[in-house]
PDB file of N, CA and C in Angstrom:
ATOM      1  N   MET A   1      67.075  -1.150 -39.612  1.00  0.00           N
ATOM      2  CA  MET A   1      67.422  -0.463 -37.803  1.00  0.00           C
ATOM      3  C   MET A   1      67.936  -1.942 -37.295  1.00  0.00           C
ATOM      4  N   LEU A   2      68.153  -1.367 -35.792  1.00  0.00           N
ATOM      5  CA  LEU A   2      68.917  -1.796 -34.762  1.00  0.00           C
ATOM      6  C   LEU A   2      68.038  -1.861 -34.399  1.00  0.00           C
ATOM      7  N   LEU A   3      68.150  -3.169 -33.360  1.00  0.00           N
ATOM      8  CA  LEU A   3      67.405  -3.494 -31.799  1.00  0.00           C
ATOM      9  C   LEU A   3      67.360  -2.053 -31.250  1.00  0.00           C
ATOM     10  N   SER A   4      68.939  -1.858 -30.804  1.00  0.00           N
ATOM     11  CA  SER A   4      69.494  -1.064 -29.647  1.00  0.00           C
ATOM     12  C   SER A   4      68.520   0.720 -30.132  1.00  0.00           C
ATOM     13  N   GLU A   5      68.056   0.905 -31.790  1.00  0.00           N
ATOM     14  CA  GLU A   5      67.849   1.871 -31.620  1.00  0.00           C
ATOM     15  C   GLU A   5      65.934   1.737 -31.051  1.00  0.00           C
ATOM     16  N   LEU A   6      65.567   0.408 -30.798  1.00  0.00           N
ATOM     17  CA  LEU A   6      63.773   1.072 -31.154  1.00  0.00           C
ATOM     18  C   LEU A   6      63.594   2.362 -29.703  1.00  0.00           C
ATOM     19  N   LYS A   7      62.444   2.818 -29.902  1.00  0.00           N
ATOM     20  CA  LYS A   7      62.241   3.322 -28.019  1.00  0.00           C
ATOM     21  C   LYS A   7      61.031   2.439 -27.547  1.00  0.00           C
ATOM     22  N   LYS A   8      60.725   2.362 -26.408  1.00  0.00           N
ATOM     23  CA  LYS A   8      60.455   1.838 -25.257  1.00  0.00           C
ATOM     24  C   LYS A   8      59.322   1.625 -25.491  1.00  0.00           C
ATOM     25  N   GLY A   9      58.437   0.121 -25.939  1.00  0.00           N
ATOM     26  CA  GLY A   9      57.639   0.243 -26.082  1.00  0.00           C
ATOM     27  C   GLY A   9      57.372  -0.499 -27.663  1.00  0.00           C
ATOM     28  N   GLU A  10      58.048   0.228 -28.377  1.00  0.00           N
ATOM     29  CA  GLU A  10      58.112  -0.369 -29.707  1.00  0.00           C
ATOM     30  C   GLU A  10      58.422  -2.297 -29.978  1.00  0.00           C
ATOM     31  N   LYS A  11      57.304  -2.050 -31.461  1.00  0.00           N
ATOM     32  CA  LYS A  11      57.662  -3.526 -31.115  1.00  0.00           C
ATOM     33  C   LYS A  11      58.275  -3.946 -32.919  1.00  0.00           C
ATOM     34  N   ALA A  12      58.824  -5.129 -32.430  1.00  0.00           N
ATOM     35  CA  ALA A  12      59.906  -4.994 -34.586  1.00  0.00           C
ATOM     36  C   ALA A  12      59.886  -7.019 -34.831  1.00  0.00           C
ATOM     37  N   LYS A  13      60.329  -7.285 -35.350  1.00  0.00           N
ATOM     38  CA  LYS A  13      60.765  -8.395 -35.975  1.00  0.00           C
ATOM     39  C   LYS A  13      62.075  -8.224 -36.579  1.00  0.00           C
ATOM     40  N   ILE A  14      62.625  -9.858 -35.648  1.00  0.00           N
ATOM     41  CA  ILE A  14      63.867 -10.139 -36.356  1.00  0.00           C
ATOM     42  C   ILE A  14      64.325 -10.381 -37.782  1.00  0.00           C
ATOM     43  N   THR A  15      65.269  -9.064 -37.915  1.00  0.00           N
ATOM     44  CA  THR A  15      65.552 -10.014 -39.252  1.00  0.00           C
ATOM     45  C   THR A  15      66.558 -10.545 -39.890  1.00  0.00           C
ATOM     46  N   ASP A  16      67.885  -9.844 -39.028  1.00  0.00           N
ATOM     47  CA  ASP A  16      69.163 -10.364 -38.984  1.00  0.00           C
ATOM     48  C   ASP A  16      69.772 -10.755 -38.394  1.00  0.00           C
ATOM     49  N   LEU A  17      70.326 -11.420 -37.902  1.00  0.00           N
ATOM     50  CA  LEU A  17      71.525 -12.063 -36.534  1.00  0.00           C
ATOM     51  C   LEU A  17      73.115 -12.307 -37.244  1.00  0.00           C
ATOM     52  N   SER A  18      73.498 -12.004 -38.454  1.00  0.00           N
ATOM     53  CA  SER A  18      74.562 -12.814 -38.902  1.00  0.00           C
ATOM     54  C   SER A  18      75.834 -11.807 -38.311  1.00  0.00           C
ATOM     55  N   SER A  19      75.533 -10.037 -37.287  1.00  0.00           N
ATOM     56  CA  SER A  19      76.885  -9.695 -37.281  1.00  0.00           C
ATOM     57  C   SER A  19      77.142 -10.573 -35.577  1.00  0.00           C
ATOM     58  N   LEU A  20      75.993 -11.350 -35.559  1.00  0.00           N
ATOM     59  CA  LEU A  20      76.620 -11.972 -33.742  1.00  0.00           C
ATOM     60  C   LEU A  20      77.660 -12.754 -34.065  1.00  0.00           C
ATOM     61  N   GLY A  21      77.941 -13.740 -32.650  1.00  0.00           N
ATOM     62  CA  GLY A  21      79.400 -14.050 -32.591  1.00  0.00           C
ATOM     63  C   GLY A  21      77.795 -15.630 -32.372  1.00  0.00           C
ATOM     64  N   GLU A  22      78.678 -16.595 -32.888  1.00  0.00           N
ATOM     65  CA  GLU A  22      77.556 -18.046 -33.196  1.00  0.00           C
ATOM     66  C   GLU A  22      77.735 -18.318 -31.313  1.00  0.00           C
ATOM     67  N   ALA A  23      78.303 -17.840 -30.593  1.00  0.00           N
ATOM     68  CA  ALA A  23      77.473 -18.097 -28.941  1.00  0.00           C
ATOM     69  C   ALA A  23      76.591 -17.627 -28.551  1.00  0.00           C
ATOM     70  N   VAL A  24      76.637 -15.817 -28.914  1.00  0.00           N
ATOM     71  CA  VAL A  24      75.352 -15.124 -28.762  1.00  0.00           C
ATOM     72  C   VAL A  24      73.860 -15.504 -30.312  1.00  0.00           C
ATOM     73  N   LYS A  25      74.091 -16.051 -30.455  1.00  0.00           N
ATOM     74  CA  LYS A  25      72.694 -16.833 -32.134  1.00  0.00           C
ATOM     75  C   LYS A  25      72.679 -17.632 -31.199  1.00  0.00           C
ATOM     76  N   ARG A  26      73.287 -19.077 -30.457  1.00  0.00           N
ATOM     77  CA  ARG A  26      73.144 -19.991 -30.110  1.00  0.00           C
ATOM     78  C   ARG A  26      72.154 -19.832 -28.681  1.00  0.00           C
ATOM     79  N   ARG A  27      72.351 -18.977 -27.393  1.00  0.00           N
ATOM     80  CA  ARG A  27      72.183 -18.955 -26.836  1.00  0.00           C
ATOM     81  C   ARG A  27      70.760 -17.826 -26.778  1.00  0.00           C
ATOM     82  N   LEU A  28      70.448 -17.298 -28.105  1.00  0.00           N
ATOM     83  CA  LEU A  28      69.808 -16.364 -27.586  1.00  0.00           C
ATOM     84  C   LEU A  28      68.322 -17.630 -29.288  1.00  0.00           C
ATOM     85  N   LEU A  29      68.707 -18.761 -29.418  1.00  0.00           N
ATOM     86  CA  LEU A  29      68.593 -19.442 -30.233  1.00  0.00           C
ATOM     87  C   LEU A  29      67.745 -20.327 -29.200  1.00  0.00           C
ATOM     88  N   ASP A  30      68.106 -20.457 -28.167  1.00  0.00           N
ATOM     89  CA  ASP A  30      67.456 -21.011 -26.877  1.00  0.00           C
ATOM     90  C   ASP A  30      67.255 -20.994 -25.933  1.00  0.00           C
ATOM     91  N   LEU A  31      66.677 -19.529 -26.056  1.00  0.00           N
ATOM     92  CA  LEU A  31      65.404 -18.107 -25.377  1.00  0.00           C
ATOM     93  C   LEU A  31      64.476 -18.006 -26.414  1.00  0.00           C
ATOM     94  N   GLY A  32      64.768 -18.765 -27.346  1.00  0.00           N
ATOM     95  CA  GLY A  32      63.481 -18.523 -28.663  1.00  0.00           C
ATOM     96  C   GLY A  32      63.724 -17.317 -29.292  1.00  0.00           C
ATOM     97  N   ILE A  33      64.895 -16.850 -29.738  1.00  0.00           N
ATOM     98  CA  ILE A  33      64.479 -15.818 -30.868  1.00  0.00           C
ATOM     99  C   ILE A  33      65.345 -15.800 -31.612  1.00  0.00           C
ATOM    100  N   SER A  34      65.034 -16.193 -32.788  1.00  0.00           N
ATOM    101  CA  SER A  34      65.409 -16.016 -34.273  1.00  0.00           C
ATOM    102  C   SER A  34      64.732 -15.471 -34.794  1.00  0.00           C
ATOM    103  N   GLU A  35      65.653 -15.519 -36.622  1.00  0.00           N
ATOM    104  CA  GLU A  35      65.201 -14.272 -37.404  1.00  0.00           C
ATOM    105  C   GLU A  35      63.836 -14.894 -37.881  1.00  0.00           C
ATOM    106  N   GLY A  36      63.131 -13.970 -37.793  1.00  0.00           N
ATOM    107  CA  GLY A  36      61.770 -13.678 -37.889  1.00  0.00           C
ATOM    108  C   GLY A  36      60.496 -13.697 -36.338  1.00  0.00           C
ATOM    109  N   SER A  37      61.408 -13.960 -35.111  1.00  0.00           N
ATOM    110  CA  SER A  37      60.903 -13.651 -34.205  1.00  0.00           C
ATOM    111  C   SER A  37      60.297 -12.352 -33.848  1.00  0.00           C
ATOM    112  N   MET A  38      59.244 -12.115 -33.075  1.00  0.00           N
ATOM    113  CA  MET A  38      58.684 -10.655 -32.679  1.00  0.00           C
ATOM    114  C   MET A  38      58.595 -10.372 -31.433  1.00  0.00           C
ATOM    115  N   VAL A  39      60.105  -8.849 -31.333  1.00  0.00           N
ATOM    116  CA  VAL A  39      60.595  -8.724 -30.157  1.00  0.00           C
ATOM    117  C   VAL A  39      59.173  -7.119 -29.575  1.00  0.00           C
ATOM    118  N   CYS A  40      59.004  -6.818 -27.584  1.00  0.00           N
ATOM    119  CA  CYS A  40      59.002  -5.305 -28.068  1.00  0.00           C
ATOM    120  C   CYS A  40      59.763  -4.954 -27.041  1.00  0.00           C
ATOM    121  N   LEU A  41      60.853  -3.534 -27.356  1.00  0.00           N
ATOM    122  CA  LEU A  41      61.481  -3.486 -26.529  1.00  0.00           C
ATOM    123  C   LEU A  41      60.986  -2.657 -25.197  1.00  0.00           C
ATOM    124  N   GLN A  42      61.280  -2.879 -24.100  1.00  0.00           N
ATOM    125  CA  GLN A  42      60.477  -2.935 -22.733  1.00  0.00           C
ATOM    126  C   GLN A  42      61.041  -2.065 -22.206  1.00  0.00           C
ATOM    127  N   CYS A  43      62.909  -1.979 -22.357  1.00  0.00           N
ATOM    128  CA  CYS A  43      63.410  -0.647 -21.482  1.00  0.00           C
ATOM    129  C   CYS A  43      64.842  -0.769 -21.761  1.00  0.00           C
ATOM    130  N   THR A  44      65.901   0.092 -21.936  1.00  0.00           N
ATOM    131  CA  THR A  44      67.016   0.028 -21.617  1.00  0.00           C
ATOM    132  C   THR A  44      67.525   1.064 -20.457  1.00  0.00           C
ATOM    133  N   MET A  45      69.110   0.162 -19.935  1.00  0.00           N
ATOM    134  CA  MET A  45      69.583   0.564 -19.168  1.00  0.00           C
ATOM    135  C   MET A  45      70.384   1.959 -19.166  1.00  0.00           C
ATOM    136  N   PRO A  46      70.207   2.916 -18.213  1.00  0.00           N
ATOM    137  CA  PRO A  46      71.505   4.185 -18.962  1.00  0.00           C
ATOM    138  C   PRO A  46      73.017   3.896 -19.737  1.00  0.00           C
ATOM    139  N   PHE A  47      73.286   4.547 -19.927  1.00  0.00           N
ATOM    140  CA  PHE A  47      74.953   4.605 -20.196  1.00  0.00           C
ATOM    141  C   PHE A  47      75.296   2.748 -20.905  1.00  0.00           C
ATOM    142  N   LYS A  48      73.735   3.140 -21.851  1.00  0.00           N
ATOM    143  CA  LYS A  48      74.436   1.942 -22.731  1.00  0.00           C
ATOM    144  C   LYS A  48      74.427   0.206 -21.793  1.00  0.00           C
ATOM    145  N   GLY A  49      74.082   0.446 -21.104  1.00  0.00           N
ATOM    146  CA  GLY A  49      73.472  -0.501 -20.388  1.00  0.00           C
ATOM    147  C   GLY A  49      72.670  -1.859 -20.954  1.00  0.00           C
ATOM    148  N   PRO A  50      72.449  -2.430 -19.935  1.00  0.00           N
ATOM    149  CA  PRO A  50      71.666  -3.547 -21.056  1.00  0.00           C
ATOM    150  C   PRO A  50      70.002  -3.361 -21.243  1.00  0.00           C
ATOM    151  N   CYS A  51      69.716  -3.816 -22.577  1.00  0.00           N
ATOM    152  CA  CYS A  51      68.109  -3.617 -23.105  1.00  0.00           C
ATOM    153  C   CYS A  51      67.769  -5.395 -22.505  1.00  0.00           C
ATOM    154  N   MET A  52      65.818  -4.523 -22.217  1.00  0.00           N
ATOM    155  CA  MET A  52      65.008  -5.617 -21.287  1.00  0.00           C
ATOM    156  C   MET A  52      63.796  -5.927 -23.205  1.00  0.00           C
ATOM    157  N   ILE A  53      63.604  -6.947 -22.938  1.00  0.00           N
ATOM    158  CA  ILE A  53      63.045  -7.431 -24.498  1.00  0.00           C
ATOM    159  C   ILE A  53      62.263  -8.059 -23.771  1.00  0.00           C
ATOM    160  N   GLU A  54      60.742  -8.583 -24.668  1.00  0.00           N
ATOM    161  CA  GLU A  54      59.656  -9.583 -24.931  1.00  0.00           C
ATOM    162  C   GLU A  54      59.700 -10.279 -25.638  1.00  0.00           C
ATOM    163  N   ASN A  55      59.615 -11.780 -25.393  1.00  0.00           N
ATOM    164  CA  ASN A  55      59.100 -12.599 -26.590  1.00  0.00           C
ATOM    165  C   ASN A  55      58.301 -12.959 -26.021  1.00  0.00           C
ATOM    166  N   CYS A  56      57.594 -14.074 -26.652  1.00  0.00           N
ATOM    167  CA  CYS A  56      56.277 -14.690 -26.438  1.00  0.00           C
ATOM    168  C   CYS A  56      55.853 -14.835 -25.203  1.00  0.00           C
ATOM    169  N   GLY A  57      56.033 -13.962 -24.258  1.00  0.00           N
ATOM    170  CA  GLY A  57      55.514 -13.560 -23.098  1.00  0.00           C
ATOM    171  C   GLY A  57      56.325 -13.483 -22.001  1.00  0.00           C
ATOM    172  N   GLN A  58      57.975 -14.078 -22.291  1.00  0.00           N
ATOM    173  CA  GLN A  58      59.026 -13.969 -21.290  1.00  0.00           C
ATOM    174  C   GLN A  58      59.303 -12.915 -21.499  1.00  0.00           C
ATOM    175  N   SER A  59      60.738 -12.308 -20.478  1.00  0.00           N
ATOM    176  CA  SER A  59      61.573 -10.756 -20.650  1.00  0.00           C
ATOM    177  C   SER A  59      62.735 -11.552 -20.506  1.00  0.00           C
ATOM    178  N   LEU A  60      64.226 -11.300 -21.400  1.00  0.00           N
ATOM    179  CA  LEU A  60      64.725 -11.332 -21.109  1.00  0.00           C
ATOM    180  C   LEU A  60      66.111  -9.821 -21.814  1.00  0.00           C
ATOM    181  N   GLY A  61      66.925 -10.007 -20.578  1.00  0.00           N
ATOM    182  CA  GLY A  61      68.145  -9.299 -20.569  1.00  0.00           C
ATOM    183  C   GLY A  61      68.636  -9.195 -22.033  1.00  0.00           C
ATOM    184  N   ILE A  62      69.597  -8.816 -23.163  1.00  0.00           N
ATOM    185  CA  ILE A  62      70.625  -8.463 -23.780  1.00  0.00           C
ATOM    186  C   ILE A  62      71.124  -6.847 -23.060  1.00  0.00           C
ATOM    187  N   ARG A  63      72.685  -7.459 -23.489  1.00  0.00           N
ATOM    188  CA  ARG A  63      73.544  -6.642 -23.669  1.00  0.00           C
ATOM    189  C   ARG A  63      73.500  -5.488 -25.018  1.00  0.00           C
ATOM    190  N   PHE A  64      73.737  -3.968 -24.128  1.00  0.00           N
ATOM    191  CA  PHE A  64      73.072  -3.037 -25.527  1.00  0.00           C
ATOM    192  C   PHE A  64      74.035  -4.090 -26.836  1.00  0.00           C
ATOM    193  N   LEU A  65      75.549  -4.126 -26.741  1.00  0.00           N
ATOM    194  CA  LEU A  65      76.591  -4.131 -27.478  1.00  0.00           C
ATOM    195  C   LEU A  65      75.630  -5.256 -28.375  1.00  0.00           C
ATOM    196  N   ASP A  66      74.792  -6.262 -28.089  1.00  0.00           N
ATOM    197  CA  ASP A  66      74.096  -7.448 -28.888  1.00  0.00           C
ATOM    198  C   ASP A  66      73.649  -7.091 -30.197  1.00  0.00           C
ATOM    199  N   ALA A  67      72.972  -5.803 -29.448  1.00  0.00           N
ATOM    200  CA  ALA A  67      71.353  -5.481 -29.665  1.00  0.00           C
ATOM    201  C   ALA A  67      71.288  -4.767 -31.266  1.00  0.00           C
ATOM    202  N   SER A  68      72.433  -4.070 -30.616  1.00  0.00           N
ATOM    203  CA  SER A  68      72.712  -3.530 -31.859  1.00  0.00           C
ATOM    204  C   SER A  68      73.626  -3.943 -32.631  1.00  0.00           C
ATOM    205  N   GLY A  69      74.031  -5.283 -32.581  1.00  0.00           N
ATOM    206  CA  GLY A  69      74.200  -6.144 -33.436  1.00  0.00           C
ATOM    207  C   GLY A  69      73.228  -7.574 -34.320  1.00  0.00           C
ATOM    208  N   ILE A  70      71.766  -6.632 -34.050  1.00  0.00           N
ATOM    209  CA  ILE A  70      70.347  -7.822 -34.261  1.00  0.00           C
ATOM    210  C   ILE A  70      70.063  -6.389 -34.899  1.00  0.00           C
ATOM    211  N   LYS A  71      69.044  -6.917 -36.463  1.00  0.00           N
ATOM    212  CA  LYS A  71      68.756  -5.999 -37.053  1.00  0.00           C
ATOM    213  C   LYS A  71      67.027  -6.352 -37.128  1.00  0.00           C
ATOM    214  N   VAL A  72      66.175  -5.897 -36.677  1.00  0.00           N
ATOM    215  CA  VAL A  72      65.119  -5.611 -37.316  1.00  0.00           C
ATOM    216  C   VAL A  72      63.671  -4.530 -37.956  1.00  0.00           C
ATOM    217  N   GLU A  73      63.023  -5.218 -38.672  1.00  0.00           N
ATOM    218  CA  GLU A  73      61.943  -3.807 -39.321  1.00  0.00           C
ATOM    219  C   GLU A  73      61.034  -4.085 -37.960  1.00  0.00           C
ATOM    220  N   LYS A  74      60.669  -2.097 -37.842  1.00  0.00           N
ATOM    221  CA  LYS A  74      59.910  -1.997 -36.210  1.00  0.00           C
ATOM    222  C   LYS A  74      58.571  -2.278 -36.809  1.00  0.00           C
ATOM    223  N   ILE A  75      57.834  -2.712 -36.767  1.00  0.00           N
ATOM    224  CA  ILE A  75      56.262  -3.290 -36.507  1.00  0.00           C
ATOM    225  C   ILE A  75      55.435  -1.848 -36.560  1.00  0.00           C
ATOM    226  N   CYS A  76      54.757  -1.100 -37.059  1.00  0.00           N
ATOM    227  CA  CYS A  76      53.698   0.109 -36.324  1.00  0.00           C
ATOM    228  C   CYS A  76      52.005   0.005 -35.536  1.00  0.00           C
TER     229      CYS A  76
END
C-alpha cells in the first residue's frame, strides 16, 4: 500500500522509501521520517495536492507524488 492511498486518520508504518530520489529521502530523514517510522495521515488536499502527515507529534506536508512513492503497512 502507498502512503497516498491512506484515508484521513489512518496510521501506518513506513516500509520502503527506495523509489524516492536521494534528495527527497535525505530531507525526510532530516525531518525524522525513515523506514520503520509510524505516521498518521491528517489530510490530503484536492486535485492531488500535498498530503499532511504526523510523525512523533510534528506535522509536515509532502507532495502527492512523493507520497505515492512511499510504501507503508497499514496499522489497524
